[in-house]
Amino acid sequence: MGNKMIGLSARESKREIRKQRLHVLAYVGLGILALATVVVVVIALRRWGP
């Protein structure tokens, strides 16, 4: 019984780690998009600004 529980929890933790990794990738992607947007806006303001 104990071994089955350990195996199950290990499988569940693997799934959770995969979920967390996807979340981290999503946050990193959003961060990169935000940085790219800021850079583009700054360059545009410098080019066409006063």
PDB file of N, CA and C in Angstrom:
ATOM      1  N   MET A   1       0.841  -1.197   0.000  1.00  0.00           N
ATOM      2  CA  MET A   1       0.000   0.000   0.000  1.00  0.00           C
ATOM      3  C   MET A   1       0.880   1.253   0.000  1.00  0.00           C
ATOM      4  N   GLY A   2       1.885   1.266   0.855  1.00  0.00           N
ATOM      5  CA  GLY A   2       2.756   2.436   0.949  1.00  0.00           C
ATOM      6  C   GLY A   2       3.493   2.692  -0.362  1.00  0.00           C
ATOM      7  N   ASN A   3       3.998   1.614  -0.975  1.00  0.00           N
ATOM      8  CA  ASN A   3       4.739   1.775  -2.220  1.00  0.00           C
ATOM      9  C   ASN A   3       3.851   2.348  -3.323  1.00  0.00           C
ATOM     10  N   LYS A   4       2.606   1.858  -3.376  1.00  0.00           N
ATOM     11  CA  LYS A   4       1.684   2.381  -4.392  1.00  0.00           C
ATOM     12  C   LYS A   4       1.476   3.884  -4.193  1.00  0.00           C
ATOM     13  N   MET A   5       1.307   4.292  -2.934  1.00  0.00           N
ATOM     14  CA  MET A   5       1.096   5.711  -2.650  1.00  0.00           C
ATOM     15  C   MET A   5       2.319   6.526  -3.078  1.00  0.00           C
ATOM     16  N   ILE A   6       3.506   6.008  -2.786  1.00  0.00           N
ATOM     17  CA  ILE A   6       4.730   6.733  -3.146  1.00  0.00           C
ATOM     18  C   ILE A   6       4.824   6.866  -4.668  1.00  0.00           C
ATOM     19  N   GLY A   7       4.550   5.757  -5.379  1.00  0.00           N
ATOM     20  CA  GLY A   7       4.602   5.797  -6.839  1.00  0.00           C
ATOM     21  C   GLY A   7       3.608   6.810  -7.385  1.00  0.00           C
ATOM     22  N   LEU A   8       2.400   6.815  -6.818  1.00  0.00           N
ATOM     23  CA  LEU A   8       1.363   7.732  -7.264  1.00  0.00           C
ATOM     24  C   LEU A   8       1.804   9.177  -7.020  1.00  0.00           C
ATOM     25  N   SER A   9       2.316   9.436  -5.809  1.00  0.00           N
ATOM     26  CA  SER A   9       2.714  10.811  -5.473  1.00  0.00           C
ATOM     27  C   SER A   9       3.871  11.251  -6.371  1.00  0.00           C
ATOM     28  N   ALA A  10       4.780  10.344  -6.686  1.00  0.00           N
ATOM     29  CA  ALA A  10       5.900  10.699  -7.560  1.00  0.00           C
ATOM     30  C   ALA A  10       5.370  11.078  -8.948  1.00  0.00           C
ATOM     31  N   ARG A  11       4.420  10.280  -9.444  1.00  0.00           N
ATOM     32  CA  ARG A  11       3.845  10.587 -10.752  1.00  0.00           C
ATOM     33  C   ARG A  11       3.126  11.934 -10.705  1.00  0.00           C
ATOM     34  N   GLU A  12       2.380  12.154  -9.624  1.00  0.00           N
ATOM     35  CA  GLU A  12       1.657  13.426  -9.481  1.00  0.00           C
ATOM     36  C   GLU A  12       2.637  14.585  -9.411  1.00  0.00           C
ATOM     37  N   SER A  13       3.727  14.432  -8.659  1.00  0.00           N
ATOM     38  CA  SER A  13       4.693  15.519  -8.528  1.00  0.00           C
ATOM     39  C   SER A  13       5.334  15.806  -9.883  1.00  0.00           C
ATOM     40  N   LYS A  14       5.598  14.754 -10.666  1.00  0.00           N
ATOM     41  CA  LYS A  14       6.143  14.975 -12.018  1.00  0.00           C
ATOM     42  C   LYS A  14       5.176  15.815 -12.836  1.00  0.00           C
ATOM     43  N   ARG A  15       3.889  15.474 -12.749  1.00  0.00           N
ATOM     44  CA  ARG A  15       2.882  16.226 -13.501  1.00  0.00           C
ATOM     45  C   ARG A  15       2.851  17.678 -13.014  1.00  0.00           C
ATOM     46  N   GLU A  16       2.922  17.864 -11.694  1.00  0.00           N
ATOM     47  CA  GLU A  16       2.906  19.219 -11.130  1.00  0.00           C
ATOM     48  C   GLU A  16       4.123  20.002 -11.598  1.00  0.00           C
ATOM     49  N   ILE A  17       5.292  19.348 -11.606  1.00  0.00           N
ATOM     50  CA  ILE A  17       6.513  20.030 -12.054  1.00  0.00           C
ATOM     51  C   ILE A  17       6.347  20.462 -13.506  1.00  0.00           C
ATOM     52  N   ARG A  18       5.761  19.575 -14.328  1.00  0.00           N
ATOM     53  CA  ARG A  18       5.562  19.928 -15.735  1.00  0.00           C
ATOM     54  C   ARG A  18       4.631  21.133 -15.847  1.00  0.00           C
ATOM     55  N   LYS A  19       3.553  21.137 -15.038  1.00  0.00           N
ATOM     56  CA  LYS A  19       2.621  22.276 -15.036  1.00  0.00           C
ATOM     57  C   LYS A  19       3.356  23.551 -14.645  1.00  0.00           C
ATOM     58  N   GLN A  20       4.154  23.462 -13.568  1.00  0.00           N
ATOM     59  CA  GLN A  20       4.879  24.639 -13.095  1.00  0.00           C
ATOM     60  C   GLN A  20       5.839  25.130 -14.170  1.00  0.00           C
ATOM     61  N   ARG A  21       6.490  24.197 -14.865  1.00  0.00           N
ATOM     62  CA  ARG A  21       7.428  24.590 -15.918  1.00  0.00           C
ATOM     63  C   ARG A  21       6.688  25.339 -17.012  1.00  0.00           C
ATOM     64  N   LEU A  22       5.492  24.869 -17.383  1.00  0.00           N
ATOM     65  CA  LEU A  22       4.690  25.559 -18.396  1.00  0.00           C
ATOM     66  C   LEU A  22       4.329  26.955 -17.918  1.00  0.00           C
ATOM     67  N   HIS A  23       3.959  27.076 -16.642  1.00  0.00           N
ATOM     68  CA  HIS A  23       3.621  28.393 -16.094  1.00  0.00           C
ATOM     69  C   HIS A  23       4.837  29.312 -16.166  1.00  0.00           C
ATOM     70  N   VAL A  24       6.008  28.786 -15.781  1.00  0.00           N
ATOM     71  CA  VAL A  24       7.230  29.599 -15.819  1.00  0.00           C
ATOM     72  C   VAL A  24       7.519  30.040 -17.246  1.00  0.00           C
ATOM     73  N   LEU A  25       7.392  29.114 -18.198  1.00  0.00           N
ATOM     74  CA  LEU A  25       7.633  29.470 -19.603  1.00  0.00           C
ATOM     75  C   LEU A  25       6.658  30.549 -20.054  1.00  0.00           C
ATOM     76  N   ALA A  26       5.399  30.431 -19.635  1.00  0.00           N
ATOM     77  CA  ALA A  26       4.402  31.428 -20.018  1.00  0.00           C
ATOM     78  C   ALA A  26       4.774  32.792 -19.439  1.00  0.00           C
ATOM     79  N   TYR A  27       5.160  32.810 -18.149  1.00  0.00           N
ATOM     80  CA  TYR A  27       5.534  34.088 -17.525  1.00  0.00           C
ATOM     81  C   TYR A  27       6.763  34.680 -18.207  1.00  0.00           C
ATOM     82  N   VAL A  28       7.756  33.832 -18.510  1.00  0.00           N
ATOM     83  CA  VAL A  28       8.972  34.320 -19.179  1.00  0.00           C
ATOM     84  C   VAL A  28       8.609  34.888 -20.549  1.00  0.00           C
ATOM     85  N   GLY A  29       7.757  34.183 -21.276  1.00  0.00           N
ATOM     86  CA  GLY A  29       7.342  34.672 -22.597  1.00  0.00           C
ATOM     87  C   GLY A  29       6.624  36.009 -22.490  1.00  0.00           C
ATOM     88  N   LEU A  30       5.737  36.127 -21.502  1.00  0.00           N
ATOM     89  CA  LEU A  30       5.028  37.401 -21.308  1.00  0.00           C
ATOM     90  C   LEU A  30       6.016  38.503 -20.949  1.00  0.00           C
ATOM     91  N   GLY A  31       6.978  38.187 -20.113  1.00  0.00           N
ATOM     92  CA  GLY A  31       7.982  39.181 -19.730  1.00  0.00           C
ATOM     93  C   GLY A  31       8.785  39.652 -20.935  1.00  0.00           C
ATOM     94  N   ILE A  32       9.188  38.701 -21.785  1.00  0.00           N
ATOM     95  CA  ILE A  32       9.948  39.059 -22.992  1.00  0.00           C
ATOM     96  C   ILE A  32       9.092  39.924 -23.909  1.00  0.00           C
ATOM     97  N   LEU A  33       7.821  39.559 -24.064  1.00  0.00           N
ATOM     98  CA  LEU A  33       6.921  40.364 -24.904  1.00  0.00           C
ATOM     99  C   LEU A  33       6.791  41.776 -24.350  1.00  0.00           C
ATOM    100  N   ALA A  34       6.632  41.885 -23.034  1.00  0.00           N
ATOM    101  CA  ALA A  34       6.493  43.208 -22.413  1.00  0.00           C
ATOM    102  C   ALA A  34       7.766  44.024 -22.632  1.00  0.00           C
ATOM    103  N   LEU A  35       8.926  43.404 -22.426  1.00  0.00           N
ATOM    104  CA  LEU A  35      10.192  44.118 -22.633  1.00  0.00           C
ATOM    105  C   LEU A  35      10.330  44.559 -24.082  1.00  0.00           C
ATOM    106  N   ALA A  36       9.996  43.671 -25.019  1.00  0.00           N
ATOM    107  CA  ALA A  36      10.094  44.019 -26.437  1.00  0.00           C
ATOM    108  C   ALA A  36       9.161  45.182 -26.758  1.00  0.00           C
ATOM    109  N   THR A  37       7.952  45.154 -26.206  1.00  0.00           N
ATOM    110  CA  THR A  37       6.994  46.246 -26.439  1.00  0.00           C
ATOM    111  C   THR A  37       7.552  47.560 -25.904  1.00  0.00           C
ATOM    112  N   VAL A  38       8.093  47.539 -24.693  1.00  0.00           N
ATOM    113  CA  VAL A  38       8.660  48.756 -24.100  1.00  0.00           C
ATOM    114  C   VAL A  38       9.798  49.276 -24.973  1.00  0.00           C
ATOM    115  N   VAL A  39      10.685  48.386 -25.406  1.00  0.00           N
ATOM    116  CA  VAL A  39      11.822  48.801 -26.241  1.00  0.00           C
ATOM    117  C   VAL A  39      11.324  49.432 -27.541  1.00  0.00           C
ATOM    118  N   VAL A  40      10.345  48.794 -28.175  1.00  0.00           N
ATOM    119  CA  VAL A  40       9.806  49.332 -29.435  1.00  0.00           C
ATOM    120  C   VAL A  40       9.188  50.709 -29.199  1.00  0.00           C
ATOM    121  N   VAL A  41       8.433  50.853 -28.122  1.00  0.00           N
ATOM    122  CA  VAL A  41       7.791  52.135 -27.827  1.00  0.00           C
ATOM    123  C   VAL A  41       8.851  53.213 -27.576  1.00  0.00           C
ATOM    124  N   VAL A  42       9.881  52.876 -26.805  1.00  0.00           N
ATOM    125  CA  VAL A  42      10.944  53.847 -26.511  1.00  0.00           C
ATOM    126  C   VAL A  42      11.648  54.268 -27.799  1.00  0.00           C
ATOM    127  N   ILE A  43      11.974  53.292 -28.645  1.00  0.00           N
ATOM    128  CA  ILE A  43      12.651  53.626 -29.915  1.00  0.00           C
ATOM    129  C   ILE A  43      11.745  54.507 -30.770  1.00  0.00           C
ATOM    130  N   ALA A  44      10.463  54.177 -30.839  1.00  0.00           N
ATOM    131  CA  ALA A  44       9.528  54.969 -31.645  1.00  0.00           C
ATOM    132  C   ALA A  44       9.440  56.393 -31.086  1.00  0.00           C
ATOM    133  N   LEU A  45       9.354  56.533 -29.775  1.00  0.00           N
ATOM    134  CA  LEU A  45       9.260  57.862 -29.163  1.00  0.00           C
ATOM    135  C   LEU A  45      10.537  58.658 -29.447  1.00  0.00           C
ATOM    136  N   ARG A  46      11.677  58.006 -29.371  1.00  0.00           N
ATOM    137  CA  ARG A  46      12.931  58.711 -29.627  1.00  0.00           C
ATOM    138  C   ARG A  46      13.010  59.139 -31.088  1.00  0.00           C
ATOM    139  N   ARG A  47      12.543  58.285 -31.975  1.00  0.00           N
ATOM    140  CA  ARG A  47      12.674  58.580 -33.402  1.00  0.00           C
ATOM    141  C   ARG A  47      11.706  59.685 -33.810  1.00  0.00           C
ATOM    142  N   TRP A  48      10.440  59.585 -33.369  1.00  0.00           N
ATOM    143  CA  TRP A  48       9.423  60.555 -33.819  1.00  0.00           C
ATOM    144  C   TRP A  48       9.089  61.604 -32.761  1.00  0.00           C
ATOM    145  N   GLY A  49       9.712  61.473 -31.586  1.00  0.00           N
ATOM    146  CA  GLY A  49       9.424  62.427 -30.526  1.00  0.00           C
ATOM    147  C   GLY A  49      10.182  63.731 -30.745  1.00  0.00           C
ATOM    148  N   PRO A  50      10.122  64.644 -29.784  1.00  0.00           N
ATOM    149  CA  PRO A  50      10.811  65.931 -29.886  1.00  0.00           C
ATOM    150  C   PRO A  50      12.328  65.778 -29.887  1.00  0.00           C
TER     151      PRO A  50
END
